[in-house]
Amino acid sequence: MTKSFKIVQLFQKVGDFILGPSNRGNHRKKVFRSKKLTILKQRRGFFERCRASWPEFVMLKAQLAILALFFTVMTYLVFLPAENLIFVSLMLAITSYLIYLTTTQLRKAFEQDYRAYRNFVAMCVAIAWVFTLLVKFTATFSTEGEMIAILPPFLALGIVVASFATFKLKYGRNFTYGTVEESRGEAALVRVGYDIRSNVKAGLYPVKSLIRVRKGDTVKLSVERSLLGLKGARVREIIERVNR
């Protein structure tokens, strides 16, 4: 296993913490029951070692920066609320990095769906800053024992839920794209990149195919999304061969 792939694995764990863990494991256990998919499972390790997606790496860097921003906000507001200069400067630095990453690497990595990725990062940055300003502003006008002191957390939670729900309604979709790595009759092993619109984590997925496919084909896959999307979506089957 190469050093670069180990780094990607580290970022994968951090990314799963932010957007929810993948449920690929349970899906694989079901699909691997077929004899043909069992053969494909044996080849999975080889493909995982050979290639790690650059777009996935870029998105995971963005997720790590978002996590750092949220951690900074929580540390500032809960433990060191008086250290305004230090934490505001740190928040500005992380925000600047996210803007740079979004307008450069993220734009190139996800060119077709760039607007969705850009708006996701902007939404996370906005939530962090609005929450910070809301808590600091409320604390200025509240006194000990007043009910107004408990309003910011609930208001902030409402903003977060509404923001992610709006994002899901605007950009969500029930399909994703992938590249066929192996094909055995109606069974295939497909590499899927990170897809924020369908809430699919990057990786190798053993799936059924409704059409005949060959190694190297770019395919469209149906996706089963959960109600809240906290655990990620499940890749189901190949429904179409596409030219992208």
C-alpha atoms as a PDB file:
ATOM      1  CA  MET A   1       0.000   0.000   0.000  1.00  0.00           C
ATOM      2  CA  THR A   2       1.461   3.333  -1.053  1.00  0.00           C
ATOM      3  CA  LYS A   3       1.990   6.285   1.242  1.00  0.00           C
ATOM      4  CA  SER A   4      -0.430   8.457  -0.766  1.00  0.00           C
ATOM      5  CA  PHE A   5      -3.218   5.919  -0.407  1.00  0.00           C
ATOM      6  CA  LYS A   6      -2.668   5.771   3.362  1.00  0.00           C
ATOM      7  CA  ILE A   7      -3.088   9.553   3.492  1.00  0.00           C
ATOM      8  CA  VAL A   8      -6.325   9.292   1.522  1.00  0.00           C
ATOM      9  CA  GLN A   9      -7.587   6.658   3.961  1.00  0.00           C
ATOM     10  CA  LEU A  10      -6.891   9.055   6.860  1.00  0.00           C
ATOM     11  CA  PHE A  11      -8.826  11.838   5.174  1.00  0.00           C
ATOM     12  CA  GLN A  12     -11.646   9.370   4.382  1.00  0.00           C
ATOM     13  CA  LYS A  13     -12.174   8.721   8.084  1.00  0.00           C
ATOM     14  CA  VAL A  14     -12.381  12.452   8.808  1.00  0.00           C
ATOM     15  CA  GLY A  15     -14.761  13.015   5.903  1.00  0.00           C
ATOM     16  CA  ASP A  16     -17.066  10.257   7.120  1.00  0.00           C
ATOM     17  CA  PHE A  17     -17.228  11.977  10.508  1.00  0.00           C
ATOM     18  CA  ILE A  18     -18.614  15.143   8.886  1.00  0.00           C
ATOM     19  CA  LEU A  19     -20.992  13.806   6.275  1.00  0.00           C
ATOM     20  CA  GLY A  20     -21.843  10.475   7.813  1.00  0.00           C
ATOM     21  CA  PRO A  21     -20.261   7.033   7.506  1.00  0.00           C
ATOM     22  CA  SER A  22     -20.767   4.961   4.420  1.00  0.00           C
ATOM     23  CA  ASN A  23     -23.045   1.926   4.529  1.00  0.00           C
ATOM     24  CA  ARG A  24     -21.176   0.039   1.858  1.00  0.00           C
ATOM     25  CA  GLY A  25     -20.283  -2.790   4.236  1.00  0.00           C
ATOM     26  CA  ASN A  26     -23.841  -4.063   4.712  1.00  0.00           C
ATOM     27  CA  HIS A  27     -24.580  -3.710   1.042  1.00  0.00           C
ATOM     28  CA  ARG A  28     -21.517  -5.732   0.093  1.00  0.00           C
ATOM     29  CA  LYS A  29     -22.451  -8.550   2.439  1.00  0.00           C
ATOM     30  CA  LYS A  30     -25.757  -8.925   0.630  1.00  0.00           C
ATOM     31  CA  VAL A  31     -24.430  -8.591  -2.900  1.00  0.00           C
ATOM     32  CA  PHE A  32     -21.451 -10.870  -2.329  1.00  0.00           C
ATOM     33  CA  ARG A  33     -23.744 -13.828  -1.840  1.00  0.00           C
ATOM     34  CA  SER A  34     -23.688 -14.487  -5.563  1.00  0.00           C
ATOM     35  CA  LYS A  35     -20.830 -16.608  -6.853  1.00  0.00           C
ATOM     36  CA  LYS A  36     -19.724 -14.111  -9.482  1.00  0.00           C
ATOM     37  CA  LEU A  37     -19.560 -11.211  -7.057  1.00  0.00           C
ATOM     38  CA  THR A  38     -17.495 -13.334  -4.697  1.00  0.00           C
ATOM     39  CA  ILE A  39     -14.858 -13.522  -7.421  1.00  0.00           C
ATOM     40  CA  LEU A  40     -14.976  -9.754  -7.832  1.00  0.00           C
ATOM     41  CA  LYS A  41     -14.555  -9.272  -4.085  1.00  0.00           C
ATOM     42  CA  GLN A  42     -11.218 -11.031  -4.245  1.00  0.00           C
ATOM     43  CA  ARG A  43      -9.993  -8.467  -6.771  1.00  0.00           C
ATOM     44  CA  ARG A  44     -11.192  -5.446  -4.789  1.00  0.00           C
ATOM     45  CA  GLY A  45      -8.006  -5.074  -2.743  1.00  0.00           C
ATOM     46  CA  PHE A  46      -5.879  -4.831  -5.873  1.00  0.00           C
ATOM     47  CA  PHE A  47      -7.859  -1.928  -7.299  1.00  0.00           C
ATOM     48  CA  GLU A  48      -7.975  -0.096  -3.955  1.00  0.00           C
ATOM     49  CA  ARG A  49      -4.181  -0.185  -3.759  1.00  0.00           C
ATOM     50  CA  CYS A  50      -3.642   0.919  -7.339  1.00  0.00           C
ATOM     51  CA  ARG A  51      -5.672   4.089  -7.548  1.00  0.00           C
ATOM     52  CA  ALA A  52      -6.934   6.807  -5.229  1.00  0.00           C
ATOM     53  CA  SER A  53      -9.061   9.566  -6.741  1.00  0.00           C
ATOM     54  CA  TRP A  54      -7.663  13.106  -6.782  1.00  0.00           C
ATOM     55  CA  PRO A  55     -11.164  14.688  -6.613  1.00  0.00           C
ATOM     56  CA  GLU A  56     -11.858  12.579  -3.537  1.00  0.00           C
ATOM     57  CA  PHE A  57      -8.640  13.808  -1.940  1.00  0.00           C
ATOM     58  CA  VAL A  58      -9.547  17.438  -2.687  1.00  0.00           C
ATOM     59  CA  MET A  59     -13.029  17.086  -1.215  1.00  0.00           C
ATOM     60  CA  LEU A  60     -11.683  15.418   1.887  1.00  0.00           C
ATOM     61  CA  LYS A  61      -9.281  18.323   2.379  1.00  0.00           C
ATOM     62  CA  ALA A  62     -12.294  20.623   2.230  1.00  0.00           C
ATOM     63  CA  GLN A  63     -14.120  18.455   4.764  1.00  0.00           C
ATOM     64  CA  LEU A  64     -11.106  18.525   7.064  1.00  0.00           C
ATOM     65  CA  ALA A  65     -10.957  22.324   6.842  1.00  0.00           C
ATOM     66  CA  ILE A  66     -14.701  22.552   7.589  1.00  0.00           C
ATOM     67  CA  LEU A  67     -14.214  20.310  10.621  1.00  0.00           C
ATOM     68  CA  ALA A  68     -11.347  22.546  11.769  1.00  0.00           C
ATOM     69  CA  LEU A  69     -13.574  25.613  11.403  1.00  0.00           C
ATOM     70  CA  PHE A  70     -16.372  24.062  13.457  1.00  0.00           C
ATOM     71  CA  PHE A  71     -13.891  22.902  16.104  1.00  0.00           C
ATOM     72  CA  THR A  72     -12.438  26.416  16.302  1.00  0.00           C
ATOM     73  CA  VAL A  73     -15.906  27.910  16.739  1.00  0.00           C
ATOM     74  CA  MET A  74     -16.821  25.484  19.534  1.00  0.00           C
ATOM     75  CA  THR A  75     -13.512  26.030  21.350  1.00  0.00           C
ATOM     76  CA  TYR A  76     -13.900  29.792  21.065  1.00  0.00           C
ATOM     77  CA  LEU A  77     -17.491  29.975  22.282  1.00  0.00           C
ATOM     78  CA  VAL A  78     -17.383  27.310  24.988  1.00  0.00           C
ATOM     79  CA  PHE A  79     -13.885  27.426  26.468  1.00  0.00           C
ATOM     80  CA  LEU A  80     -12.178  30.706  25.511  1.00  0.00           C
ATOM     81  CA  PRO A  81     -14.860  33.297  24.696  1.00  0.00           C
ATOM     82  CA  ALA A  82     -12.606  36.178  25.761  1.00  0.00           C
ATOM     83  CA  GLU A  83      -9.865  35.390  23.209  1.00  0.00           C
ATOM     84  CA  ASN A  84     -11.550  37.279  20.386  1.00  0.00           C
ATOM     85  CA  LEU A  85      -8.475  38.283  18.406  1.00  0.00           C
ATOM     86  CA  ILE A  86      -6.934  34.823  18.326  1.00  0.00           C
ATOM     87  CA  PHE A  87     -10.033  32.859  17.348  1.00  0.00           C
ATOM     88  CA  VAL A  88     -11.510  35.380  14.951  1.00  0.00           C
ATOM     89  CA  SER A  89      -8.147  35.495  13.173  1.00  0.00           C
ATOM     90  CA  LEU A  90      -8.048  31.698  13.062  1.00  0.00           C
ATOM     91  CA  MET A  91     -11.587  31.550  11.681  1.00  0.00           C
ATOM     92  CA  LEU A  92     -10.670  34.084   9.022  1.00  0.00           C
ATOM     93  CA  ALA A  93      -7.589  32.057   8.076  1.00  0.00           C
ATOM     94  CA  ILE A  94      -9.561  28.806   7.708  1.00  0.00           C
ATOM     95  CA  THR A  95     -12.306  30.587   5.802  1.00  0.00           C
ATOM     96  CA  SER A  96      -9.739  32.079   3.428  1.00  0.00           C
ATOM     97  CA  TYR A  97      -8.249  28.631   2.840  1.00  0.00           C
ATOM     98  CA  LEU A  98     -11.681  27.199   2.075  1.00  0.00           C
ATOM     99  CA  ILE A  99     -12.358  29.996  -0.397  1.00  0.00           C
ATOM    100  CA  TYR A 100      -9.028  29.327  -2.084  1.00  0.00           C
ATOM    101  CA  LEU A 101      -9.610  25.567  -2.164  1.00  0.00           C
ATOM    102  CA  THR A 102     -13.124  25.985  -3.546  1.00  0.00           C
ATOM    103  CA  THR A 103     -12.213  28.409  -6.310  1.00  0.00           C
ATOM    104  CA  THR A 104      -9.153  26.466  -7.451  1.00  0.00           C
ATOM    105  CA  GLN A 105      -8.876  22.731  -6.761  1.00  0.00           C
ATOM    106  CA  LEU A 106     -12.538  22.035  -6.026  1.00  0.00           C
ATOM    107  CA  ARG A 107     -13.552  23.785  -9.249  1.00  0.00           C
ATOM    108  CA  LYS A 108     -11.231  21.555 -11.277  1.00  0.00           C
ATOM    109  CA  ALA A 109     -12.047  18.367  -9.394  1.00  0.00           C
ATOM    110  CA  PHE A 110     -15.826  18.656  -9.737  1.00  0.00           C
ATOM    111  CA  GLU A 111     -16.279  20.780 -12.827  1.00  0.00           C
ATOM    112  CA  GLN A 112     -19.680  19.410 -13.848  1.00  0.00           C
ATOM    113  CA  ASP A 113     -21.266  19.773 -10.391  1.00  0.00           C
ATOM    114  CA  TYR A 114     -19.090  22.616  -9.166  1.00  0.00           C
ATOM    115  CA  ARG A 115     -22.016  24.826  -8.140  1.00  0.00           C
ATOM    116  CA  ALA A 116     -23.277  22.198  -5.686  1.00  0.00           C
ATOM    117  CA  TYR A 117     -19.834  21.763  -4.086  1.00  0.00           C
ATOM    118  CA  ARG A 118     -19.238  25.518  -3.955  1.00  0.00           C
ATOM    119  CA  ASN A 119     -22.594  26.123  -2.283  1.00  0.00           C
ATOM    120  CA  PHE A 120     -22.019  23.300   0.190  1.00  0.00           C
ATOM    121  CA  VAL A 121     -18.738  24.832   1.367  1.00  0.00           C
ATOM    122  CA  ALA A 122     -20.311  28.302   1.455  1.00  0.00           C
ATOM    123  CA  MET A 123     -23.205  26.940   3.510  1.00  0.00           C
ATOM    124  CA  CYS A 124     -20.861  25.375   6.082  1.00  0.00           C
ATOM    125  CA  VAL A 125     -18.809  28.567   6.363  1.00  0.00           C
ATOM    126  CA  ALA A 126     -21.969  30.644   6.751  1.00  0.00           C
ATOM    127  CA  ILE A 127     -23.301  28.345   9.476  1.00  0.00           C
ATOM    128  CA  ALA A 128     -20.054  28.677  11.442  1.00  0.00           C
ATOM    129  CA  TRP A 129     -20.015  32.472  11.245  1.00  0.00           C
ATOM    130  CA  VAL A 130     -23.742  32.963  11.847  1.00  0.00           C
ATOM    131  CA  PHE A 131     -23.610  30.686  14.874  1.00  0.00           C
ATOM    132  CA  THR A 132     -20.603  32.575  16.265  1.00  0.00           C
ATOM    133  CA  LEU A 133     -22.158  36.003  15.748  1.00  0.00           C
ATOM    134  CA  LEU A 134     -25.491  34.823  17.095  1.00  0.00           C
ATOM    135  CA  VAL A 135     -24.032  33.481  20.322  1.00  0.00           C
ATOM    136  CA  LYS A 136     -21.742  36.486  20.885  1.00  0.00           C
ATOM    137  CA  PHE A 137     -24.523  38.962  20.143  1.00  0.00           C
ATOM    138  CA  THR A 138     -26.998  37.198  22.439  1.00  0.00           C
ATOM    139  CA  ALA A 139     -24.438  36.922  25.245  1.00  0.00           C
ATOM    140  CA  THR A 140     -23.896  40.677  25.105  1.00  0.00           C
ATOM    141  CA  PHE A 141     -27.554  41.438  25.804  1.00  0.00           C
ATOM    142  CA  SER A 142     -28.358  38.593  28.188  1.00  0.00           C
ATOM    143  CA  THR A 143     -27.976  38.436  31.929  1.00  0.00           C
ATOM    144  CA  GLU A 144     -27.422  35.439  34.172  1.00  0.00           C
ATOM    145  CA  GLY A 145     -30.552  33.331  34.548  1.00  0.00           C
ATOM    146  CA  GLU A 146     -32.441  34.787  31.590  1.00  0.00           C
ATOM    147  CA  MET A 147     -34.109  32.393  29.129  1.00  0.00           C
ATOM    148  CA  ILE A 148     -32.549  34.262  26.201  1.00  0.00           C
ATOM    149  CA  ALA A 149     -29.247  32.553  26.981  1.00  0.00           C
ATOM    150  CA  ILE A 150     -30.557  29.161  25.763  1.00  0.00           C
ATOM    151  CA  LEU A 151     -32.027  30.457  22.503  1.00  0.00           C
ATOM    152  CA  PRO A 152     -28.854  30.516  20.330  1.00  0.00           C
ATOM    153  CA  PRO A 153     -28.219  26.741  20.384  1.00  0.00           C
ATOM    154  CA  PHE A 154     -31.799  25.954  19.367  1.00  0.00           C
ATOM    155  CA  LEU A 155     -31.875  28.692  16.757  1.00  0.00           C
ATOM    156  CA  ALA A 156     -28.542  27.558  15.361  1.00  0.00           C
ATOM    157  CA  LEU A 157     -29.771  23.950  15.189  1.00  0.00           C
ATOM    158  CA  GLY A 158     -32.812  25.106  13.253  1.00  0.00           C
ATOM    159  CA  ILE A 159     -30.593  26.996  10.818  1.00  0.00           C
ATOM    160  CA  VAL A 160     -28.395  23.928  10.271  1.00  0.00           C
ATOM    161  CA  VAL A 161     -31.365  21.607   9.637  1.00  0.00           C
ATOM    162  CA  ALA A 162     -33.042  24.098   7.300  1.00  0.00           C
ATOM    163  CA  SER A 163     -29.801  24.712   5.393  1.00  0.00           C
ATOM    164  CA  PHE A 164     -29.058  21.044   4.751  1.00  0.00           C
ATOM    165  CA  ALA A 165     -32.692  20.317   3.879  1.00  0.00           C
ATOM    166  CA  THR A 166     -32.682  23.145   1.337  1.00  0.00           C
ATOM    167  CA  PHE A 167     -29.401  21.920  -0.128  1.00  0.00           C
ATOM    168  CA  LYS A 168     -30.774  18.393  -0.459  1.00  0.00           C
ATOM    169  CA  LEU A 169     -33.946  19.580  -2.179  1.00  0.00           C
ATOM    170  CA  LYS A 170     -32.052  21.788  -4.626  1.00  0.00           C
ATOM    171  CA  TYR A 171     -29.096  19.580  -5.538  1.00  0.00           C
ATOM    172  CA  GLY A 172     -30.030  16.064  -4.446  1.00  0.00           C
ATOM    173  CA  ARG A 173     -30.452  13.272  -6.991  1.00  0.00           C
ATOM    174  CA  ASN A 174     -31.145   9.521  -6.925  1.00  0.00           C
ATOM    175  CA  PHE A 175     -28.346   8.457  -9.252  1.00  0.00           C
ATOM    176  CA  THR A 176     -24.586   8.727  -9.606  1.00  0.00           C
ATOM    177  CA  TYR A 177     -21.836   7.800 -12.061  1.00  0.00           C
ATOM    178  CA  GLY A 178     -19.002   5.314 -11.951  1.00  0.00           C
ATOM    179  CA  THR A 179     -16.415   3.410 -13.985  1.00  0.00           C
ATOM    180  CA  VAL A 180     -16.562  -0.349 -14.452  1.00  0.00           C
ATOM    181  CA  GLU A 181     -13.442  -2.053 -13.107  1.00  0.00           C
ATOM    182  CA  GLU A 182     -14.567  -5.661 -13.612  1.00  0.00           C
ATOM    183  CA  SER A 183     -17.580  -7.279 -15.236  1.00  0.00           C
ATOM    184  CA  ARG A 184     -18.923 -10.824 -14.886  1.00  0.00           C
ATOM    185  CA  GLY A 185     -22.247 -11.273 -16.657  1.00  0.00           C
ATOM    186  CA  GLU A 186     -24.875  -9.418 -14.640  1.00  0.00           C
ATOM    187  CA  ALA A 187     -22.389  -8.562 -11.905  1.00  0.00           C
ATOM    188  CA  ALA A 188     -19.901  -5.727 -11.990  1.00  0.00           C
ATOM    189  CA  LEU A 189     -17.384  -3.994  -9.773  1.00  0.00           C
ATOM    190  CA  VAL A 190     -17.733  -0.239 -10.203  1.00  0.00           C
ATOM    191  CA  ARG A 191     -15.510   2.556  -8.945  1.00  0.00           C
ATOM    192  CA  VAL A 192     -17.575   5.539  -7.827  1.00  0.00           C
ATOM    193  CA  GLY A 193     -16.092   8.906  -6.976  1.00  0.00           C
ATOM    194  CA  TYR A 194     -17.332  11.113  -4.170  1.00  0.00           C
ATOM    195  CA  ASP A 195     -20.719  12.544  -5.156  1.00  0.00           C
ATOM    196  CA  ILE A 196     -22.199  15.151  -2.864  1.00  0.00           C
ATOM    197  CA  ARG A 197     -25.434  15.376  -4.867  1.00  0.00           C
ATOM    198  CA  SER A 198     -26.369  11.730  -4.365  1.00  0.00           C
ATOM    199  CA  ASN A 199     -24.587  11.526  -0.991  1.00  0.00           C
ATOM    200  CA  VAL A 200     -22.427   8.608  -2.151  1.00  0.00           C
ATOM    201  CA  LYS A 201     -18.989   7.997  -0.682  1.00  0.00           C
ATOM    202  CA  ALA A 202     -16.091   7.174  -2.982  1.00  0.00           C
ATOM    203  CA  GLY A 203     -15.105   3.548  -3.305  1.00  0.00           C
ATOM    204  CA  LEU A 204     -15.544   0.253  -5.111  1.00  0.00           C
ATOM    205  CA  TYR A 205     -19.092  -1.097  -5.236  1.00  0.00           C
ATOM    206  CA  PRO A 206     -20.114  -4.607  -6.322  1.00  0.00           C
ATOM    207  CA  VAL A 207     -23.465  -4.169  -8.064  1.00  0.00           C
ATOM    208  CA  LYS A 208     -25.901  -5.810 -10.450  1.00  0.00           C
ATOM    209  CA  SER A 209     -26.143  -4.541 -13.995  1.00  0.00           C
ATOM    210  CA  LEU A 210     -29.367  -4.218 -15.996  1.00  0.00           C
ATOM    211  CA  ILE A 211     -27.338  -3.832 -19.186  1.00  0.00           C
ATOM    212  CA  ARG A 212     -24.227  -5.399 -20.657  1.00  0.00           C
ATOM    213  CA  VAL A 213     -21.101  -3.491 -19.664  1.00  0.00           C
ATOM    214  CA  ARG A 214     -17.372  -3.877 -20.122  1.00  0.00           C
ATOM    215  CA  LYS A 215     -14.312  -2.825 -18.190  1.00  0.00           C
ATOM    216  CA  GLY A 216     -13.676   0.901 -18.598  1.00  0.00           C
ATOM    217  CA  ASP A 217     -17.283   1.849 -19.347  1.00  0.00           C
ATOM    218  CA  THR A 218     -18.705   4.938 -17.669  1.00  0.00           C
ATOM    219  CA  VAL A 219     -22.088   4.002 -16.247  1.00  0.00           C
ATOM    220  CA  LYS A 220     -25.057   5.535 -14.484  1.00  0.00           C
ATOM    221  CA  LEU A 221     -26.129   3.840 -11.254  1.00  0.00           C
ATOM    222  CA  SER A 222     -29.346   4.088  -9.297  1.00  0.00           C
ATOM    223  CA  VAL A 223     -29.004   5.206  -5.682  1.00  0.00           C
ATOM    224  CA  GLU A 224     -31.197   4.583  -2.663  1.00  0.00           C
ATOM    225  CA  ARG A 225     -31.123   7.572  -0.348  1.00  0.00           C
ATOM    226  CA  SER A 226     -32.122   7.582   3.301  1.00  0.00           C
ATOM    227  CA  LEU A 227     -34.637  10.070   4.665  1.00  0.00           C
ATOM    228  CA  LEU A 228     -32.088  12.305   6.406  1.00  0.00           C
ATOM    229  CA  GLY A 229     -29.015  11.129   4.503  1.00  0.00           C
ATOM    230  CA  LEU A 230     -26.874  10.840   7.639  1.00  0.00           C
ATOM    231  CA  LYS A 231     -25.459   7.429   6.719  1.00  0.00           C
ATOM    232  CA  GLY A 232     -24.921   8.111   3.055  1.00  0.00           C
ATOM    233  CA  ALA A 233     -26.771   6.617   0.109  1.00  0.00           C
ATOM    234  CA  ARG A 234     -26.617   3.037  -1.121  1.00  0.00           C
ATOM    235  CA  VAL A 235     -25.517   2.307  -4.682  1.00  0.00           C
ATOM    236  CA  ARG A 236     -27.949  -0.225  -6.117  1.00  0.00           C
ATOM    237  CA  GLU A 237     -27.431  -1.186  -9.770  1.00  0.00           C
ATOM    238  CA  ILE A 238     -26.202  -0.079 -13.182  1.00  0.00           C
ATOM    239  CA  ILE A 239     -29.061   1.367 -15.216  1.00  0.00           C
ATOM    240  CA  GLU A 240     -27.338   2.995 -18.173  1.00  0.00           C
ATOM    241  CA  ARG A 241     -24.047   3.293 -20.050  1.00  0.00           C
ATOM    242  CA  VAL A 242     -23.153   6.919 -20.678  1.00  0.00           C
ATOM    243  CA  ASN A 243     -20.610   9.070 -22.444  1.00  0.00           C
ATOM    244  CA  ARG A 244     -19.433  11.927 -20.203  1.00  0.00           C
END
